[in-house]
Amino acid sequence: MSTASVTAQTGTAPQPNPLENPRENPALSPALRVTRVVLIGLGLAGLAWGAYVLLDTVKPARIPGIALWMGAAIVLHDAVISPLVFF
């Protein structure tokens, strides 16, 4: 279907999709993509380093207690602290 026939049927010209052209959509720009990859890589490296230090310095018998504490911290944050921000 040509642009002329779409214009004739709808009365308006078709609008370009901003997601198709990275120059029109900054979320798809190469610079942002590189930034995302670098930040994700740094985050994964930090997680790997933290896991290494945890496993290297903590006695194996204490790891379940640490996991329980971390899980409780997440639940406490999501159930108590986060709602305070939104109300």
N, C-alpha and C. Protein backbone atom coordinates (compact mmCIF):
# COMPACT_ATOMS: atom_id res chain seq x y z
N MET A 1 0.85 -1.16 0.00
CA MET A 1 0.00 0.00 0.00
C MET A 1 0.90 1.23 0.00
N SER A 2 0.61 2.14 -0.87
CA SER A 2 1.46 3.33 -0.98
C SER A 2 1.05 4.37 0.05
N THR A 3 1.93 5.33 0.23
CA THR A 3 1.65 6.42 1.17
C THR A 3 0.45 7.23 0.72
N ALA A 4 0.31 7.41 -0.57
CA ALA A 4 -0.81 8.18 -1.09
C ALA A 4 -2.13 7.50 -0.76
N SER A 5 -2.20 6.16 -0.89
CA SER A 5 -3.45 5.47 -0.61
C SER A 5 -3.75 5.46 0.89
N VAL A 6 -2.73 5.39 1.73
CA VAL A 6 -2.95 5.46 3.18
C VAL A 6 -3.47 6.84 3.54
N THR A 7 -2.89 7.88 2.93
CA THR A 7 -3.34 9.24 3.20
C THR A 7 -4.76 9.43 2.73
N ALA A 8 -5.11 8.87 1.60
CA ALA A 8 -6.45 9.00 1.07
C ALA A 8 -7.46 8.27 1.96
N GLN A 9 -7.10 7.13 2.53
CA GLN A 9 -8.03 6.36 3.35
C GLN A 9 -8.19 6.96 4.74
N THR A 10 -7.13 7.41 5.35
CA THR A 10 -7.19 7.86 6.74
C THR A 10 -7.22 9.37 6.88
N GLY A 11 -6.81 10.07 5.87
CA GLY A 11 -6.77 11.52 5.95
C GLY A 11 -5.48 12.06 6.53
N THR A 12 -4.61 11.18 7.01
CA THR A 12 -3.32 11.62 7.55
C THR A 12 -2.22 10.75 6.99
N ALA A 13 -1.05 11.32 6.92
CA ALA A 13 0.10 10.55 6.46
C ALA A 13 0.56 9.62 7.58
N PRO A 14 1.09 8.44 7.25
CA PRO A 14 1.57 7.54 8.30
C PRO A 14 2.74 8.16 9.05
N GLN A 15 2.75 7.97 10.34
CA GLN A 15 3.81 8.51 11.18
C GLN A 15 4.96 7.52 11.25
N PRO A 16 6.19 8.00 11.17
CA PRO A 16 7.33 7.08 11.28
C PRO A 16 7.42 6.51 12.70
N ASN A 17 7.87 5.29 12.78
CA ASN A 17 8.04 4.63 14.07
C ASN A 17 9.38 5.09 14.66
N PRO A 18 9.37 5.79 15.81
CA PRO A 18 10.64 6.29 16.37
C PRO A 18 11.56 5.17 16.84
N LEU A 19 11.03 3.96 16.98
CA LEU A 19 11.87 2.85 17.42
C LEU A 19 12.71 2.28 16.28
N GLU A 20 12.39 2.65 15.05
CA GLU A 20 13.12 2.10 13.91
C GLU A 20 14.46 2.80 13.68
N ASN A 21 14.57 4.04 14.06
CA ASN A 21 15.78 4.81 13.78
C ASN A 21 16.46 5.19 15.09
N PRO A 22 17.66 4.68 15.34
CA PRO A 22 18.34 5.00 16.60
C PRO A 22 18.62 6.48 16.78
N ARG A 23 18.72 7.22 15.69
CA ARG A 23 18.97 8.66 15.81
C ARG A 23 17.76 9.38 16.40
N GLU A 24 16.57 8.84 16.19
CA GLU A 24 15.36 9.45 16.72
C GLU A 24 15.01 8.94 18.11
N ASN A 25 15.54 7.79 18.50
CA ASN A 25 15.24 7.21 19.80
C ASN A 25 16.54 7.03 20.57
N PRO A 26 16.82 7.89 21.56
CA PRO A 26 18.09 7.80 22.27
C PRO A 26 18.27 6.49 23.03
N ALA A 27 17.18 5.77 23.32
CA ALA A 27 17.32 4.50 24.04
C ALA A 27 18.02 3.44 23.19
N LEU A 28 18.08 3.64 21.89
CA LEU A 28 18.72 2.68 21.00
C LEU A 28 20.06 3.18 20.47
N SER A 29 20.54 4.28 20.97
CA SER A 29 21.79 4.83 20.44
C SER A 29 22.97 3.94 20.80
N PRO A 30 23.98 3.90 19.95
CA PRO A 30 25.16 3.08 20.23
C PRO A 30 25.86 3.48 21.53
N ALA A 31 25.90 4.76 21.85
CA ALA A 31 26.56 5.19 23.08
C ALA A 31 25.85 4.64 24.31
N LEU A 32 24.52 4.66 24.29
CA LEU A 32 23.77 4.13 25.43
C LEU A 32 23.93 2.62 25.52
N ARG A 33 23.96 1.96 24.39
CA ARG A 33 24.15 0.51 24.38
C ARG A 33 25.51 0.14 25.00
N VAL A 34 26.55 0.87 24.64
CA VAL A 34 27.89 0.62 25.20
C VAL A 34 27.88 0.89 26.70
N THR A 35 27.23 1.98 27.11
CA THR A 35 27.15 2.31 28.53
C THR A 35 26.45 1.21 29.31
N ARG A 36 25.35 0.69 28.76
CA ARG A 36 24.62 -0.39 29.43
C ARG A 36 25.50 -1.63 29.57
N VAL A 37 26.20 -1.99 28.51
CA VAL A 37 27.05 -3.18 28.55
C VAL A 37 28.15 -3.01 29.59
N VAL A 38 28.76 -1.83 29.64
CA VAL A 38 29.83 -1.58 30.61
C VAL A 38 29.29 -1.65 32.03
N LEU A 39 28.15 -1.02 32.29
CA LEU A 39 27.58 -1.04 33.64
C LEU A 39 27.14 -2.43 34.07
N ILE A 40 26.56 -3.19 33.15
CA ILE A 40 26.18 -4.57 33.47
C ILE A 40 27.42 -5.40 33.76
N GLY A 41 28.46 -5.21 32.96
CA GLY A 41 29.72 -5.93 33.20
C GLY A 41 30.33 -5.60 34.55
N LEU A 42 30.31 -4.31 34.92
CA LEU A 42 30.84 -3.91 36.23
C LEU A 42 30.00 -4.50 37.36
N GLY A 43 28.70 -4.53 37.18
CA GLY A 43 27.83 -5.12 38.20
C GLY A 43 28.09 -6.61 38.37
N LEU A 44 28.23 -7.32 37.26
CA LEU A 44 28.52 -8.75 37.33
C LEU A 44 29.90 -9.01 37.94
N ALA A 45 30.87 -8.16 37.61
CA ALA A 45 32.20 -8.31 38.21
C ALA A 45 32.14 -8.08 39.72
N GLY A 46 31.36 -7.09 40.14
CA GLY A 46 31.19 -6.84 41.57
C GLY A 46 30.53 -8.00 42.29
N LEU A 47 29.51 -8.59 41.66
CA LEU A 47 28.86 -9.76 42.25
C LEU A 47 29.82 -10.94 42.35
N ALA A 48 30.60 -11.15 41.30
CA ALA A 48 31.56 -12.26 41.32
C ALA A 48 32.61 -12.04 42.40
N TRP A 49 33.10 -10.81 42.53
CA TRP A 49 34.09 -10.51 43.57
C TRP A 49 33.50 -10.72 44.96
N GLY A 50 32.28 -10.26 45.17
CA GLY A 50 31.62 -10.44 46.46
C GLY A 50 31.42 -11.91 46.79
N ALA A 51 31.02 -12.71 45.80
CA ALA A 51 30.85 -14.15 46.02
C ALA A 51 32.18 -14.80 46.35
N TYR A 52 33.23 -14.40 45.65
CA TYR A 52 34.56 -14.96 45.93
C TYR A 52 35.01 -14.63 47.35
N VAL A 53 34.87 -13.37 47.74
CA VAL A 53 35.28 -12.97 49.09
C VAL A 53 34.44 -13.69 50.14
N LEU A 54 33.14 -13.81 49.90
CA LEU A 54 32.27 -14.51 50.85
C LEU A 54 32.71 -15.96 51.02
N LEU A 55 32.91 -16.64 49.91
CA LEU A 55 33.27 -18.06 49.99
C LEU A 55 34.70 -18.26 50.49
N ASP A 56 35.55 -17.28 50.31
CA ASP A 56 36.94 -17.40 50.73
C ASP A 56 37.15 -17.07 52.21
N THR A 57 36.33 -16.19 52.76
CA THR A 57 36.58 -15.71 54.12
C THR A 57 35.61 -16.22 55.17
N VAL A 58 34.47 -16.76 54.76
CA VAL A 58 33.45 -17.18 55.73
C VAL A 58 33.48 -18.70 55.84
N LYS A 59 33.36 -19.17 57.07
CA LYS A 59 33.30 -20.62 57.29
C LYS A 59 32.02 -21.16 56.64
N PRO A 60 32.11 -22.33 55.99
CA PRO A 60 30.94 -22.88 55.29
C PRO A 60 29.72 -23.05 56.18
N ALA A 61 29.90 -23.32 57.46
CA ALA A 61 28.76 -23.51 58.35
C ALA A 61 27.97 -22.22 58.57
N ARG A 62 28.58 -21.06 58.31
CA ARG A 62 27.91 -19.79 58.53
C ARG A 62 27.18 -19.27 57.30
N ILE A 63 27.40 -19.87 56.14
CA ILE A 63 26.79 -19.38 54.90
C ILE A 63 25.26 -19.46 54.94
N PRO A 64 24.62 -20.54 55.44
CA PRO A 64 23.15 -20.54 55.50
C PRO A 64 22.60 -19.39 56.35
N GLY A 65 23.25 -19.06 57.45
CA GLY A 65 22.80 -17.94 58.27
C GLY A 65 22.91 -16.61 57.54
N ILE A 66 23.98 -16.46 56.78
CA ILE A 66 24.16 -15.23 55.99
C ILE A 66 23.09 -15.15 54.90
N ALA A 67 22.81 -16.27 54.25
CA ALA A 67 21.77 -16.30 53.22
C ALA A 67 20.41 -15.95 53.82
N LEU A 68 20.11 -16.48 55.01
CA LEU A 68 18.85 -16.16 55.68
C LEU A 68 18.79 -14.67 56.01
N TRP A 69 19.88 -14.10 56.51
CA TRP A 69 19.92 -12.69 56.85
C TRP A 69 19.70 -11.83 55.60
N MET A 70 20.35 -12.20 54.49
CA MET A 70 20.19 -11.43 53.25
C MET A 70 18.76 -11.53 52.73
N GLY A 71 18.17 -12.72 52.80
CA GLY A 71 16.78 -12.89 52.38
C GLY A 71 15.83 -12.06 53.24
N ALA A 72 16.06 -12.07 54.56
CA ALA A 72 15.23 -11.28 55.46
C ALA A 72 15.39 -9.78 55.18
N ALA A 73 16.58 -9.35 54.84
CA ALA A 73 16.80 -7.94 54.52
C ALA A 73 16.01 -7.54 53.27
N ILE A 74 15.95 -8.41 52.29
CA ILE A 74 15.18 -8.12 51.07
C ILE A 74 13.69 -8.04 51.39
N VAL A 75 13.20 -9.01 52.16
CA VAL A 75 11.78 -9.01 52.53
C VAL A 75 11.45 -7.77 53.36
N LEU A 76 12.29 -7.43 54.31
CA LEU A 76 12.06 -6.25 55.13
C LEU A 76 12.03 -4.99 54.26
N HIS A 77 12.95 -4.88 53.35
CA HIS A 77 12.99 -3.72 52.47
C HIS A 77 11.72 -3.63 51.63
N ASP A 78 11.33 -4.75 51.00
CA ASP A 78 10.17 -4.73 50.11
C ASP A 78 8.86 -4.57 50.87
N ALA A 79 8.77 -5.12 52.07
CA ALA A 79 7.50 -5.10 52.80
C ALA A 79 7.33 -3.86 53.68
N VAL A 80 8.41 -3.29 54.17
CA VAL A 80 8.30 -2.20 55.14
C VAL A 80 8.83 -0.88 54.59
N ILE A 81 10.04 -0.88 54.10
CA ILE A 81 10.68 0.38 53.72
C ILE A 81 10.15 0.90 52.38
N SER A 82 9.99 0.06 51.38
CA SER A 82 9.53 0.52 50.07
C SER A 82 8.16 1.18 50.12
N PRO A 83 7.16 0.62 50.83
CA PRO A 83 5.86 1.30 50.88
C PRO A 83 5.93 2.70 51.48
N LEU A 84 6.87 2.94 52.38
CA LEU A 84 6.99 4.27 52.97
C LEU A 84 7.36 5.32 51.92
N VAL A 85 8.06 4.90 50.89
CA VAL A 85 8.47 5.83 49.84
C VAL A 85 7.28 6.24 48.98
N PHE A 86 6.33 5.34 48.79
CA PHE A 86 5.23 5.60 47.87
C PHE A 86 4.00 6.20 48.54
N PHE A 87 3.99 6.32 49.86
CA PHE A 87 2.82 6.89 50.54
C PHE A 87 3.13 8.21 51.15
